PDB file of N, CA and C in Angstrom:
ATOM      1  N   UNK A   1       0.826  -1.192   0.000  1.00  0.00           N
ATOM      2  CA  UNK A   1       0.000   0.000   0.000  1.00  0.00           C
ATOM      3  C   UNK A   1       0.870   1.255   0.000  1.00  0.00           C
ATOM      4  N   UNK A   2       1.928   1.272   0.822  1.00  0.00           N
ATOM      5  CA  UNK A   2       2.795   2.446   0.880  1.00  0.00           C
ATOM      6  C   UNK A   2       3.475   2.691  -0.459  1.00  0.00           C
ATOM      7  N   UNK A   3       3.817   1.601  -1.154  1.00  0.00           N
ATOM      8  CA  UNK A   3       4.450   1.731  -2.465  1.00  0.00           C
ATOM      9  C   UNK A   3       3.506   2.414  -3.450  1.00  0.00           C
ATOM     10  N   UNK A   4       2.239   2.014  -3.404  1.00  0.00           N
ATOM     11  CA  UNK A   4       1.255   2.599  -4.315  1.00  0.00           C
ATOM     12  C   UNK A   4       1.050   4.078  -4.001  1.00  0.00           C
ATOM     13  N   UNK A   5       0.985   4.419  -2.713  1.00  0.00           N
ATOM     14  CA  UNK A   5       0.826   5.821  -2.321  1.00  0.00           C
ATOM     15  C   UNK A   5       2.027   6.647  -2.775  1.00  0.00           C
ATOM     16  N   UNK A   6       3.206   6.101  -2.563  1.00  0.00           N
ATOM     17  CA  UNK A   6       4.424   6.816  -2.953  1.00  0.00           C
ATOM     18  C   UNK A   6       4.464   7.026  -4.460  1.00  0.00           C
ATOM     19  N   UNK A   7       4.098   5.988  -5.222  1.00  0.00           N
ATOM     20  CA  UNK A   7       4.083   6.103  -6.681  1.00  0.00           C
ATOM     21  C   UNK A   7       3.069   7.154  -7.124  1.00  0.00           C
ATOM     22  N   UNK A   8       1.897   7.141  -6.494  1.00  0.00           N
ATOM     23  CA  UNK A   8       0.865   8.125  -6.829  1.00  0.00           C
ATOM     24  C   UNK A   8       1.350   9.538  -6.529  1.00  0.00           C
ATOM     25  N   UNK A   9       1.961   9.728  -5.371  1.00  0.00           N
ATOM     26  CA  UNK A   9       2.470  11.054  -5.017  1.00  0.00           C
ATOM     27  C   UNK A   9       3.582  11.505  -5.959  1.00  0.00           C
ATOM     28  N   UNK A  10       4.459  10.592  -6.348  1.00  0.00           N
ATOM     29  CA  UNK A  10       5.514  10.947  -7.305  1.00  0.00           C
ATOM     30  C   UNK A  10       4.919  11.330  -8.650  1.00  0.00           C
ATOM     31  N   UNK A  11       3.891  10.594  -9.066  1.00  0.00           N
ATOM     32  CA  UNK A  11       3.229  10.885 -10.338  1.00  0.00           C
ATOM     33  C   UNK A  11       2.546  12.252 -10.290  1.00  0.00           C
ATOM     34  N   UNK A  12       1.875  12.543  -9.184  1.00  0.00           N
ATOM     35  CA  UNK A  12       1.232  13.853  -9.017  1.00  0.00           C
ATOM     36  C   UNK A  12       2.284  14.956  -9.034  1.00  0.00           C
ATOM     37  N   UNK A  13       3.374  14.743  -8.327  1.00  0.00           N
ATOM     38  CA  UNK A  13       4.448  15.744  -8.282  1.00  0.00           C
ATOM     39  C   UNK A  13       5.027  15.994  -9.671  1.00  0.00           C
ATOM     40  N   UNK A  14       5.236  14.923 -10.426  1.00  0.00           N
ATOM     41  CA  UNK A  14       5.778  15.058 -11.783  1.00  0.00           C
ATOM     42  C   UNK A  14       4.834  15.880 -12.658  1.00  0.00           C
ATOM     43  N   UNK A  15       3.547  15.573 -12.589  1.00  0.00           N
ATOM     44  CA  UNK A  15       2.570  16.337 -13.379  1.00  0.00           C
ATOM     45  C   UNK A  15       2.509  17.788 -12.927  1.00  0.00           C
ATOM     46  N   UNK A  16       2.633  18.009 -11.633  1.00  0.00           N
ATOM     47  CA  UNK A  16       2.601  19.378 -11.115  1.00  0.00           C
ATOM     48  C   UNK A  16       3.800  20.176 -11.630  1.00  0.00           C
ATOM     49  N   UNK A  17       4.955  19.544 -11.706  1.00  0.00           N
ATOM     50  CA  UNK A  17       6.152  20.222 -12.218  1.00  0.00           C
ATOM     51  C   UNK A  17       5.986  20.605 -13.684  1.00  0.00           C
ATOM     52  N   UNK A  18       5.250  19.811 -14.443  1.00  0.00           N
ATOM     53  CA  UNK A  18       5.064  20.060 -15.874  1.00  0.00           C
ATOM     54  C   UNK A  18       3.794  20.844 -16.187  1.00  0.00           C
ATOM     55  N   UNK A  19       3.105  21.294 -15.165  1.00  0.00           N
ATOM     56  CA  UNK A  19       1.852  22.015 -15.363  1.00  0.00           C
ATOM     57  C   UNK A  19       2.107  23.313 -16.117  1.00  0.00           C
ATOM     58  N   UNK A  20       1.376  23.490 -17.205  1.00  0.00           N
ATOM     59  CA  UNK A  20       1.570  24.668 -18.048  1.00  0.00           C
ATOM     60  C   UNK A  20       0.444  25.680 -17.845  1.00  0.00           C
ATOM     61  N   UNK A  21      -0.024  25.829 -16.656  1.00  0.00           N
ATOM     62  CA  UNK A  21      -1.127  26.742 -16.394  1.00  0.00           C
ATOM     63  C   UNK A  21      -0.671  28.180 -16.242  1.00  0.00           C
ATOM     64  N   UNK A  22      -1.622  29.049 -16.011  1.00  0.00           N
ATOM     65  CA  UNK A  22      -1.347  30.466 -15.863  1.00  0.00           C
ATOM     66  C   UNK A  22      -0.789  30.814 -14.492  1.00  0.00           C
ATOM     67  N   UNK A  23      -1.202  30.092 -13.468  1.00  0.00           N
ATOM     68  CA  UNK A  23      -0.852  30.427 -12.099  1.00  0.00           C
ATOM     69  C   UNK A  23       0.550  29.926 -11.762  1.00  0.00           C
ATOM     70  N   UNK A  24       1.424  30.852 -11.379  1.00  0.00           N
ATOM     71  CA  UNK A  24       2.804  30.492 -11.035  1.00  0.00           C
ATOM     72  C   UNK A  24       3.119  30.986  -9.627  1.00  0.00           C
ATOM     73  N   UNK A  25       3.819  30.163  -8.870  1.00  0.00           N
ATOM     74  CA  UNK A  25       4.268  30.562  -7.539  1.00  0.00           C
ATOM     75  C   UNK A  25       5.316  31.653  -7.689  1.00  0.00           C
ATOM     76  N   UNK A  26       5.182  32.712  -6.905  1.00  0.00           N
ATOM     77  CA  UNK A  26       6.141  33.814  -6.950  1.00  0.00           C
ATOM     78  C   UNK A  26       7.041  33.718  -5.724  1.00  0.00           C
ATOM     79  N   UNK A  27       8.260  33.164  -5.882  1.00  0.00           N
ATOM     80  CA  UNK A  27       9.129  32.961  -4.720  1.00  0.00           C
ATOM     81  C   UNK A  27       9.570  34.268  -4.066  1.00  0.00           C
ATOM     82  N   UNK A  28       9.555  35.367  -4.799  1.00  0.00           N
ATOM     83  CA  UNK A  28       9.975  36.649  -4.250  1.00  0.00           C
ATOM     84  C   UNK A  28       8.899  37.347  -3.440  1.00  0.00           C
ATOM     85  N   UNK A  29       7.698  36.810  -3.431  1.00  0.00           N
ATOM     86  CA  UNK A  29       6.605  37.454  -2.721  1.00  0.00           C
ATOM     87  C   UNK A  29       6.496  36.878  -1.317  1.00  0.00           C
ATOM     88  N   UNK A  30       6.679  37.706  -0.290  1.00  0.00           N
ATOM     89  CA  UNK A  30       6.643  37.190   1.085  1.00  0.00           C
ATOM     90  C   UNK A  30       5.253  36.717   1.519  1.00  0.00           C
ATOM     91  N   UNK A  31       4.209  37.149   0.826  1.00  0.00           N
ATOM     92  CA  UNK A  31       2.855  36.730   1.183  1.00  0.00           C
ATOM     93  C   UNK A  31       2.471  35.404   0.550  1.00  0.00           C
ATOM     94  N   UNK A  32       3.324  34.881  -0.324  1.00  0.00           N
ATOM     95  CA  UNK A  32       3.029  33.619  -0.987  1.00  0.00           C
ATOM     96  C   UNK A  32       2.057  33.758  -2.137  1.00  0.00           C
ATOM     97  N   UNK A  33       1.897  34.966  -2.644  1.00  0.00           N
ATOM     98  CA  UNK A  33       0.984  35.181  -3.768  1.00  0.00           C
ATOM     99  C   UNK A  33       1.525  34.552  -5.040  1.00  0.00           C
ATOM    100  N   UNK A  34       0.648  34.416  -6.006  1.00  0.00           N
ATOM    101  CA  UNK A  34       1.006  33.844  -7.296  1.00  0.00           C
ATOM    102  C   UNK A  34       0.975  34.929  -8.362  1.00  0.00           C
ATOM    103  N   UNK A  35       1.602  34.632  -9.483  1.00  0.00           N
ATOM    104  CA  UNK A  35       1.537  35.528 -10.631  1.00  0.00           C
ATOM    105  C   UNK A  35       0.886  34.770 -11.782  1.00  0.00           C
ATOM    106  N   UNK A  36       0.324  35.511 -12.712  1.00  0.00           N
ATOM    107  CA  UNK A  36      -0.204  34.900 -13.925  1.00  0.00           C
ATOM    108  C   UNK A  36       0.465  35.569 -15.111  1.00  0.00           C
ATOM    109  N   UNK A  37       0.545  34.837 -16.192  1.00  0.00           N
ATOM    110  CA  UNK A  37       1.093  35.418 -17.413  1.00  0.00           C
ATOM    111  C   UNK A  37      -0.006  35.440 -18.463  1.00  0.00           C
ATOM    112  N   UNK A  38       0.042  36.437 -19.294  1.00  0.00           N
ATOM    113  CA  UNK A  38      -0.944  36.617 -20.342  1.00  0.00           C
ATOM    114  C   UNK A  38      -0.181  36.882 -21.627  1.00  0.00           C
ATOM    115  N   UNK A  39      -0.398  36.042 -22.626  1.00  0.00           N
ATOM    116  CA  UNK A  39       0.317  36.208 -23.885  1.00  0.00           C
ATOM    117  C   UNK A  39      -0.310  37.315 -24.708  1.00  0.00           C
ATOM    118  N   UNK A  40       0.528  38.218 -25.166  1.00  0.00           N
ATOM    119  CA  UNK A  40       0.110  39.285 -26.067  1.00  0.00           C
ATOM    120  C   UNK A  40       1.116  39.349 -27.207  1.00  0.00           C
ATOM    121  N   UNK A  41       0.658  39.853 -28.356  1.00  0.00           N
ATOM    122  CA  UNK A  41       1.542  39.941 -29.525  1.00  0.00           C
ATOM    123  C   UNK A  41       2.609  41.005 -29.335  1.00  0.00           C
ATOM    124  N   UNK A  42       2.201  42.141 -28.798  1.00  0.00           N
ATOM    125  CA  UNK A  42       3.117  43.264 -28.607  1.00  0.00           C
ATOM    126  C   UNK A  42       2.483  44.239 -27.620  1.00  0.00           C
ATOM    127  N   UNK A  43       3.147  45.365 -27.406  1.00  0.00           N
ATOM    128  CA  UNK A  43       2.625  46.362 -26.470  1.00  0.00           C
ATOM    129  C   UNK A  43       1.267  46.901 -26.909  1.00  0.00           C
ATOM    130  N   UNK A  44       1.078  47.037 -28.203  1.00  0.00           N
ATOM    131  CA  UNK A  44      -0.199  47.528 -28.707  1.00  0.00           C
ATOM    132  C   UNK A  44      -1.331  46.546 -28.387  1.00  0.00           C
ATOM    133  N   UNK A  45      -1.054  45.253 -28.485  1.00  0.00           N
ATOM    134  CA  UNK A  45      -2.047  44.236 -28.151  1.00  0.00           C
ATOM    135  C   UNK A  45      -2.394  44.299 -26.663  1.00  0.00           C
ATOM    136  N   UNK A  46      -1.386  44.495 -25.824  1.00  0.00           N
ATOM    137  CA  UNK A  46      -1.619  44.648 -24.388  1.00  0.00           C
ATOM    138  C   UNK A  46      -2.496  45.870 -24.129  1.00  0.00           C
ATOM    139  N   UNK A  47      -2.156  46.975 -24.775  1.00  0.00           N
ATOM    140  CA  UNK A  47      -2.935  48.201 -24.623  1.00  0.00           C
ATOM    141  C   UNK A  47      -4.376  48.000 -25.096  1.00  0.00           C
ATOM    142  N   UNK A  48      -4.546  47.282 -26.190  1.00  0.00           N
ATOM    143  CA  UNK A  48      -5.882  47.007 -26.725  1.00  0.00           C
ATOM    144  C   UNK A  48      -6.712  46.182 -25.740  1.00  0.00           C
ATOM    145  N   UNK A  49      -6.088  45.199 -25.105  1.00  0.00           N
ATOM    146  CA  UNK A  49      -6.796  44.385 -24.110  1.00  0.00           C
ATOM    147  C   UNK A  49      -7.239  45.228 -22.920  1.00  0.00           C
ATOM    148  N   UNK A  50      -6.341  46.058 -22.423  1.00  0.00           N
ATOM    149  CA  UNK A  50      -6.675  46.911 -21.282  1.00  0.00           C
ATOM    150  C   UNK A  50      -7.770  47.903 -21.667  1.00  0.00           C
ATOM    151  N   UNK A  51      -7.630  48.509 -22.849  1.00  0.00           N
ATOM    152  CA  UNK A  51      -8.637  49.466 -23.310  1.00  0.00           C
ATOM    153  C   UNK A  51      -9.996  48.792 -23.463  1.00  0.00           C
ATOM    154  N   UNK A  52     -10.011  47.570 -23.970  1.00  0.00           N
ATOM    155  CA  UNK A  52     -11.280  46.852 -24.146  1.00  0.00           C
ATOM    156  C   UNK A  52     -11.956  46.593 -22.808  1.00  0.00           C
ATOM    157  N   UNK A  53     -11.176  46.228 -21.806  1.00  0.00           N
ATOM    158  CA  UNK A  53     -11.745  46.022 -20.474  1.00  0.00           C
ATOM    159  C   UNK A  53     -12.382  47.308 -19.955  1.00  0.00           C
ATOM    160  N   UNK A  54     -11.676  48.406 -20.128  1.00  0.00           N
ATOM    161  CA  UNK A  54     -12.202  49.691 -19.675  1.00  0.00           C
ATOM    162  C   UNK A  54     -13.431  50.113 -20.473  1.00  0.00           C
ATOM    163  N   UNK A  55     -13.392  49.888 -21.774  1.00  0.00           N
ATOM    164  CA  UNK A  55     -14.528  50.253 -22.625  1.00  0.00           C
ATOM    165  C   UNK A  55     -15.790  49.491 -22.227  1.00  0.00           C
ATOM    166  N   UNK A  56     -15.636  48.206 -21.962  1.00  0.00           N
ATOM    167  CA  UNK A  56     -16.797  47.410 -21.557  1.00  0.00           C
ATOM    168  C   UNK A  56     -17.362  47.933 -20.239  1.00  0.00           C
ATOM    169  N   UNK A  57     -16.484  48.344 -19.336  1.00  0.00           N
ATOM    170  CA  UNK A  57     -16.957  48.928 -18.076  1.00  0.00           C
ATOM    171  C   UNK A  57     -17.739  50.211 -18.340  1.00  0.00           C
ATOM    172  N   UNK A  58     -17.223  51.057 -19.222  1.00  0.00           N
ATOM    173  CA  UNK A  58     -17.920  52.306 -19.558  1.00  0.00           C
ATOM    174  C   UNK A  58     -19.265  52.002 -20.196  1.00  0.00           C
ATOM    175  N   UNK A  59     -19.289  51.046 -21.128  1.00  0.00           N
ATOM    176  CA  UNK A  59     -20.550  50.680 -21.777  1.00  0.00           C
ATOM    177  C   UNK A  59     -21.561  50.174 -20.749  1.00  0.00           C
ATOM    178  N   UNK A  60     -21.077  49.391 -19.801  1.00  0.00           N
ATOM    179  CA  UNK A  60     -21.972  48.848 -18.777  1.00  0.00           C
ATOM    180  C   UNK A  60     -22.542  49.964 -17.900  1.00  0.00           C
ATOM    181  N   UNK A  61     -21.716  50.951 -17.585  1.00  0.00           N
ATOM    182  CA  UNK A  61     -22.184  52.061 -16.758  1.00  0.00           C
ATOM    183  C   UNK A  61     -23.100  53.003 -17.534  1.00  0.00           C
ATOM    184  N   UNK A  62     -22.742  53.250 -18.801  1.00  0.00           N
ATOM    185  CA  UNK A  62     -23.479  54.202 -19.629  1.00  0.00           C
ATOM    186  C   UNK A  62     -24.816  53.628 -20.072  1.00  0.00           C
ATOM    187  N   UNK A  63     -24.809  52.383 -20.492  1.00  0.00           N
ATOM    188  CA  UNK A  63     -26.046  51.723 -20.857  1.00  0.00           C
ATOM    189  C   UNK A  63     -26.480  51.880 -22.301  1.00  0.00           C
ATOM    190  N   UNK A  64     -26.019  52.929 -23.015  1.00  0.00           N
ATOM    191  CA  UNK A  64     -26.508  53.098 -24.383  1.00  0.00           C
ATOM    192  C   UNK A  64     -25.492  52.687 -25.441  1.00  0.00           C
ATOM    193  N   UNK A  65     -24.326  52.239 -25.029  1.00  0.00           N
ATOM    194  CA  UNK A  65     -23.358  51.717 -25.988  1.00  0.00           C
ATOM    195  C   UNK A  65     -22.558  52.763 -26.730  1.00  0.00           C
ATOM    196  N   UNK A  66     -22.474  53.967 -26.202  1.00  0.00           N
ATOM    197  CA  UNK A  66     -21.690  55.015 -26.853  1.00  0.00           C
ATOM    198  C   UNK A  66     -20.669  55.571 -25.883  1.00  0.00           C
ATOM    199  N   UNK A  67     -19.445  55.755 -26.382  1.00  0.00           N
ATOM    200  CA  UNK A  67     -18.445  56.466 -25.599  1.00  0.00           C
ATOM    201  C   UNK A  67     -18.530  57.932 -26.007  1.00  0.00           C
ATOM    202  N   UNK A  68     -18.536  58.821 -25.046  1.00  0.00           N
ATOM    203  CA  UNK A  68     -18.794  60.228 -25.323  1.00  0.00           C
ATOM    204  C   UNK A  68     -17.554  61.011 -25.746  1.00  0.00           C
ATOM    205  N   UNK A  69     -16.377  60.574 -25.345  1.00  0.00           N
ATOM    206  CA  UNK A  69     -15.160  61.304 -25.695  1.00  0.00           C
ATOM    207  C   UNK A  69     -14.943  61.281 -27.205  1.00  0.00           C
ATOM    208  N   UNK A  70     -14.550  62.426 -27.806  1.00  0.00           N
ATOM    209  CA  UNK A  70     -14.303  62.459 -29.254  1.00  0.00           C
ATOM    210  C   UNK A  70     -13.212  61.482 -29.699  1.00  0.00           C
ATOM    211  N   UNK A  71     -12.272  61.185 -28.812  1.00  0.00           N
ATOM    212  CA  UNK A  71     -11.198  60.246 -29.157  1.00  0.00           C
ATOM    213  C   UNK A  71     -11.708  58.820 -29.303  1.00  0.00           C
ATOM    214  N   UNK A  72     -12.854  58.533 -28.731  1.00  0.00           N
ATOM    215  CA  UNK A  72     -13.369  57.158 -28.697  1.00  0.00           C
ATOM    216  C   UNK A  72     -14.661  56.979 -29.486  1.00  0.00           C
ATOM    217  N   UNK A  73     -14.973  57.894 -30.381  1.00  0.00           N
ATOM    218  CA  UNK A  73     -16.233  57.822 -31.119  1.00  0.00           C
ATOM    219  C   UNK A  73     -16.324  56.599 -32.032  1.00  0.00           C
ATOM    220  N   UNK A  74     -15.186  56.092 -32.497  1.00  0.00           N
ATOM    221  CA  UNK A  74     -15.223  54.946 -33.415  1.00  0.00           C
ATOM    222  C   UNK A  74     -15.217  53.595 -32.693  1.00  0.00           C
ATOM    223  N   UNK A  75     -15.173  53.595 -31.381  1.00  0.00           N
ATOM    224  CA  UNK A  75     -15.170  52.358 -30.603  1.00  0.00           C
ATOM    225  C   UNK A  75     -16.600  51.826 -30.526  1.00  0.00           C
ATOM    226  N   UNK A  76     -16.754  50.545 -30.877  1.00  0.00           N
ATOM    227  CA  UNK A  76     -18.093  49.955 -30.806  1.00  0.00           C
ATOM    228  C   UNK A  76     -18.196  48.994 -29.632  1.00  0.00           C
ATOM    229  N   UNK A  77     -19.377  48.912 -29.099  1.00  0.00           N
ATOM    230  CA  UNK A  77     -19.631  48.016 -27.972  1.00  0.00           C
ATOM    231  C   UNK A  77     -19.342  46.570 -28.368  1.00  0.00           C
ATOM    232  N   UNK A  78     -19.762  46.183 -29.547  1.00  0.00           N
ATOM    233  CA  UNK A  78     -19.593  44.808 -30.020  1.00  0.00           C
ATOM    234  C   UNK A  78     -18.117  44.412 -30.062  1.00  0.00           C
ATOM    235  N   UNK A  79     -17.274  45.259 -30.649  1.00  0.00           N
ATOM    236  CA  UNK A  79     -15.842  44.936 -30.746  1.00  0.00           C
ATOM    237  C   UNK A  79     -15.199  44.827 -29.367  1.00  0.00           C
ATOM    238  N   UNK A  80     -15.525  45.761 -28.494  1.00  0.00           N
ATOM    239  CA  UNK A  80     -14.937  45.743 -27.152  1.00  0.00           C
ATOM    240  C   UNK A  80     -15.347  44.497 -26.386  1.00  0.00           C
ATOM    241  N   UNK A  81     -16.611  44.157 -26.463  1.00  0.00           N
ATOM    242  CA  UNK A  81     -17.094  42.977 -25.744  1.00  0.00           C
ATOM    243  C   UNK A  81     -16.463  41.711 -26.306  1.00  0.00           C
ATOM    244  N   UNK A  82     -16.335  41.621 -27.620  1.00  0.00           N
ATOM    245  CA  UNK A  82     -15.696  40.443 -28.234  1.00  0.00           C
ATOM    246  C   UNK A  82     -14.249  40.304 -27.779  1.00  0.00           C
ATOM    247  N   UNK A  83     -13.509  41.407 -27.733  1.00  0.00           N
ATOM    248  CA  UNK A  83     -12.109  41.351 -27.284  1.00  0.00           C
ATOM    249  C   UNK A  83     -12.027  40.918 -25.826  1.00  0.00           C
ATOM    250  N   UNK A  84     -12.920  41.431 -25.002  1.00  0.00           N
ATOM    251  CA  UNK A  84     -12.909  41.052 -23.586  1.00  0.00           C
ATOM    252  C   UNK A  84     -13.264  39.575 -23.422  1.00  0.00           C
ATOM    253  N   UNK A  85     -14.236  39.101 -24.171  1.00  0.00           N
ATOM    254  CA  UNK A  85     -14.596  37.680 -24.089  1.00  0.00           C
ATOM    255  C   UNK A  85     -13.442  36.791 -24.542  1.00  0.00           C
ATOM    256  N   UNK A  86     -12.725  37.195 -25.583  1.00  0.00           N
ATOM    257  CA  UNK A  86     -11.549  36.438 -26.017  1.00  0.00           C
ATOM    258  C   UNK A  86     -10.485  36.433 -24.928  1.00  0.00           C
ATOM    259  N   UNK A  87     -10.294  37.569 -24.287  1.00  0.00           N
ATOM    260  CA  UNK A  87      -9.327  37.658 -23.195  1.00  0.00           C
ATOM    261  C   UNK A  87      -9.710  36.708 -22.065  1.00  0.00           C
ATOM    262  N   UNK A  88     -10.969  36.697 -21.712  1.00  0.00           N
ATOM    263  CA  UNK A  88     -11.441  35.806 -20.648  1.00  0.00           C
ATOM    264  C   UNK A  88     -11.232  34.346 -21.038  1.00  0.00           C
ATOM    265  N   UNK A  89     -11.527  33.997 -22.276  1.00  0.00           N
ATOM    266  CA  UNK A  89     -11.300  32.619 -22.733  1.00  0.00           C
ATOM    267  C   UNK A  89      -9.827  32.242 -22.649  1.00  0.00           C
ATOM    268  N   UNK A  90      -8.942  33.194 -22.933  1.00  0.00           N
ATOM    269  CA  UNK A  90      -7.506  32.918 -22.887  1.00  0.00           C
ATOM    270  C   UNK A  90      -6.983  32.738 -21.475  1.00  0.00           C
ATOM    271  N   UNK A  91      -7.638  33.320 -20.494  1.00  0.00           N
ATOM    272  CA  UNK A  91      -7.115  33.200 -19.132  1.00  0.00           C
ATOM    273  C   UNK A  91      -7.848  32.143 -18.301  1.00  0.00           C
ATOM    274  N   UNK A  92      -8.779  31.420 -18.906  1.00  0.00           N
ATOM    275  CA  UNK A  92      -9.415  30.317 -18.178  1.00  0.00           C
ATOM    276  C   UNK A  92      -8.353  29.286 -17.796  1.00  0.00           C
ATOM    277  N   UNK A  93      -8.332  28.851 -16.556  1.00  0.00           N
ATOM    278  CA  UNK A  93      -7.276  27.950 -16.080  1.00  0.00           C
ATOM    279  C   UNK A  93      -7.534  26.478 -16.415  1.00  0.00           C
ATOM    280  N   UNK A  94      -7.620  26.147 -17.692  1.00  0.00           N
ATOM    281  CA  UNK A  94      -7.961  24.770 -18.071  1.00  0.00           C
ATOM    282  C   UNK A  94      -6.881  23.773 -17.653  1.00  0.00           C
ATOM    283  N   UNK A  95      -5.611  24.153 -17.746  1.00  0.00           N
ATOM    284  CA  UNK A  95      -4.541  23.230 -17.327  1.00  0.00           C
ATOM    285  C   UNK A  95      -4.651  22.903 -15.847  1.00  0.00           C
ATOM    286  N   UNK A  96      -4.918  23.922 -15.040  1.00  0.00           N
ATOM    287  CA  UNK A  96      -5.053  23.681 -13.607  1.00  0.00           C
ATOM    288  C   UNK A  96      -6.252  22.789 -13.310  1.00  0.00           C
ATOM    289  N   UNK A  97      -7.341  22.983 -14.028  1.00  0.00           N
ATOM    290  CA  UNK A  97      -8.534  22.176 -13.789  1.00  0.00           C
ATOM    291  C   UNK A  97      -8.297  20.719 -14.185  1.00  0.00           C
ATOM    292  N   UNK A  98      -7.598  20.493 -15.296  1.00  0.00           N
ATOM    293  CA  UNK A  98      -7.251  19.128 -15.701  1.00  0.00           C
ATOM    294  C   UNK A  98      -6.376  18.471 -14.644  1.00  0.00           C
ATOM    295  N   UNK A  99      -5.408  19.227 -14.127  1.00  0.00           N
ATOM    296  CA  UNK A  99      -4.519  18.700 -13.097  1.00  0.00           C
ATOM    297  C   UNK A  99      -5.309  18.368 -11.825  1.00  0.00           C
ATOM    298  N   UNK A 100      -6.215  19.250 -11.430  1.00  0.00           N
ATOM    299  CA  UNK A 100      -7.005  19.002 -10.227  1.00  0.00           C
ATOM    300  C   UNK A 100      -7.897  17.771 -10.395  1.00  0.00           C
ATOM    301  N   UNK A 101      -8.463  17.590 -11.582  1.00  0.00           N
ATOM    302  CA  UNK A 101      -9.255  16.385 -11.845  1.00  0.00           C
ATOM    303  C   UNK A 101      -8.390  15.139 -11.710  1.00  0.00           C
ATOM    304  N   UNK A 102      -7.175  15.204 -12.240  1.00  0.00           N
ATOM    305  CA  UNK A 102      -6.251  14.078 -12.161  1.00  0.00           C
ATOM    306  C   UNK A 102      -5.910  13.769 -10.696  1.00  0.00           C
ATOM    307  N   UNK A 103      -5.578  14.801  -9.928  1.00  0.00           N
ATOM    308  CA  UNK A 103      -5.224  14.614  -8.520  1.00  0.00           C
ATOM    309  C   UNK A 103      -6.413  14.042  -7.749  1.00  0.00           C
ATOM    310  N   UNK A 104      -7.587  14.576  -7.995  1.00  0.00           N
ATOM    311  CA  UNK A 104      -8.789  14.087  -7.316  1.00  0.00           C
ATOM    312  C   UNK A 104      -9.028  12.617  -7.622  1.00  0.00           C
ATOM    313  N   UNK A 105      -8.870  12.248  -8.886  1.00  0.00           N
ATOM    314  CA  UNK A 105      -9.055  10.845  -9.276  1.00  0.00           C
ATOM    315  C   UNK A 105      -8.047   9.946  -8.569  1.00  0.00           C
ATOM    316  N   UNK A 106      -6.776  10.352  -8.559  1.00  0.00           N
ATOM    317  CA  UNK A 106      -5.739   9.532  -7.920  1.00  0.00           C
ATOM    318  C   UNK A 106      -5.978   9.407  -6.419  1.00  0.00           C
ATOM    319  N   UNK A 107      -6.324  10.507  -5.772  1.00  0.00           N
ATOM    320  CA  UNK A 107      -6.555  10.466  -4.333  1.00  0.00           C
ATOM    321  C   UNK A 107      -7.800   9.647  -3.991  1.00  0.00           C
ATOM    322  N   UNK A 108      -8.810   9.730  -4.823  1.00  0.00           N
ATOM    323  CA  UNK A 108     -10.016   8.924  -4.617  1.00  0.00           C
ATOM    324  C   UNK A 108      -9.684   7.439  -4.742  1.00  0.00           C
ATOM    325  N   UNK A 109      -8.867   7.101  -5.733  1.00  0.00           N
ATOM    326  CA  UNK A 109      -8.447   5.705  -5.891  1.00  0.00           C
ATOM    327  C   UNK A 109      -7.658   5.233  -4.682  1.00  0.00           C
ATOM    328  N   UNK A 110      -6.798   6.107  -4.137  1.00  0.00           N
ATOM    329  CA  UNK A 110      -6.050   5.735  -2.936  1.00  0.00           C
ATOM    330  C   UNK A 110      -6.998   5.527  -1.757  1.00  0.00           C
ATOM    331  N   UNK A 111      -7.969   6.410  -1.607  1.00  0.00           N
ATOM    332  CA  UNK A 111      -8.942   6.277  -0.518  1.00  0.00           C
ATOM    333  C   UNK A 111      -9.735   4.984  -0.649  1.00  0.00           C
ATOM    334  N   UNK A 112     -10.150   4.660  -1.864  1.00  0.00           N
ATOM    335  CA  UNK A 112     -10.917   3.432  -2.090  1.00  0.00           C
ATOM    336  C   UNK A 112     -10.078   2.202  -1.785  1.00  0.00           C
ATOM    337  N   UNK A 113      -8.812   2.231  -2.156  1.00  0.00           N
ATOM    338  CA  UNK A 113      -7.920   1.110  -1.885  1.00  0.00           C
ATOM    339  C   UNK A 113      -7.692   0.966  -0.389  1.00  0.00           C
ATOM    340  N   UNK A 114      -7.552   2.079   0.304  1.00  0.00           N
ATOM    341  CA  UNK A 114      -7.320   2.061   1.743  1.00  0.00           C
ATOM    342  C   UNK A 114      -8.526   1.502   2.482  1.00  0.00           C
ATOM    343  N   UNK A 115      -9.718   1.881   2.077  1.00  0.00           N
ATOM    344  CA  UNK A 115     -10.915   1.400   2.776  1.00  0.00           C
ATOM    345  C   UNK A 115     -11.188  -0.069   2.501  1.00  0.00           C
ATOM    346  N   UNK A 116     -10.678  -0.589   1.401  1.00  0.00           N
ATOM    347  CA  UNK A 116     -10.893  -1.998   1.064  1.00  0.00           C
ATOM    348  C   UNK A 116      -9.767  -2.893   1.582  1.00  0.00           C
ATOM    349  N   UNK A 117      -8.781  -2.299   2.232  1.00  0.00           N
ATOM    350  CA  UNK A 117      -7.632  -3.053   2.710  1.00  0.00           C
ATOM    351  C   UNK A 117      -8.057  -4.075   3.769  1.00  0.00           C
ATOM    352  N   UNK A 118      -7.581  -5.324   3.656  1.00  0.00           N
ATOM    353  CA  UNK A 118      -7.950  -6.361   4.635  1.00  0.00           C
ATOM    354  C   UNK A 118      -7.428  -6.043   6.032  1.00  0.00           C
ATOM    355  N   UNK A 119      -6.332  -5.297   6.142  1.00  0.00           N
ATOM    356  CA  UNK A 119      -5.784  -4.947   7.451  1.00  0.00           C
ATOM    357  C   UNK A 119      -6.781  -4.110   8.244  1.00  0.00           C
ATOM    358  N   UNK A 120      -7.542  -3.259   7.554  1.00  0.00           N
ATOM    359  CA  UNK A 120      -8.515  -2.406   8.224  1.00  0.00           C
ATOM    360  C   UNK A 120      -9.660  -3.225   8.812  1.00  0.00           C
ATOM    361  N   UNK A 121      -9.959  -4.344   8.212  1.00  0.00           N
ATOM    362  CA  UNK A 121     -11.092  -5.147   8.656  1.00  0.00           C
ATOM    363  C   UNK A 121     -10.719  -6.131   9.774  1.00  0.00           C
ATOM    364  N   UNK A 122      -9.439  -6.217  10.145  1.00  0.00           N
ATOM    365  CA  UNK A 122      -9.013  -7.151  11.180  1.00  0.00           C
ATOM    366  C   UNK A 122      -9.178  -6.582  12.578  1.00  0.00           C
ATOM    367  N   UNK A 123      -9.551  -5.316  12.686  1.00  0.00           N
ATOM    368  CA  UNK A 123      -9.719  -4.714  14.000  1.00  0.00           C
ATOM    369  C   UNK A 123     -10.877  -5.348  14.668  1.00  0.00           C
TER     370      UNK A 123
END
């Protein structure tokens, strides 16, 4: 039983080391916070993502779908919302969720094996 547990833990550790998710441990942070990375093509793409988030907030507050500043007259609600939705899709933590499902499955299997152990029934 201990061998199986050790193998399972080693397997989980190996998968955790290779996890390609967004959430990364920040060793320089004394609070133990994590950092996330977001892929952008260039600085303009980063600026566009930030602007889209702000535009959607303005549209939500304004309600009529128009930005009043002359600099932003050509911005449409549809384009801003689409960019924000794409951004949200890109930051969904699918790798972490797959890893958590894997860990849950392995731990459940260990629990099931432990409860079925004949040593437990000899008490």
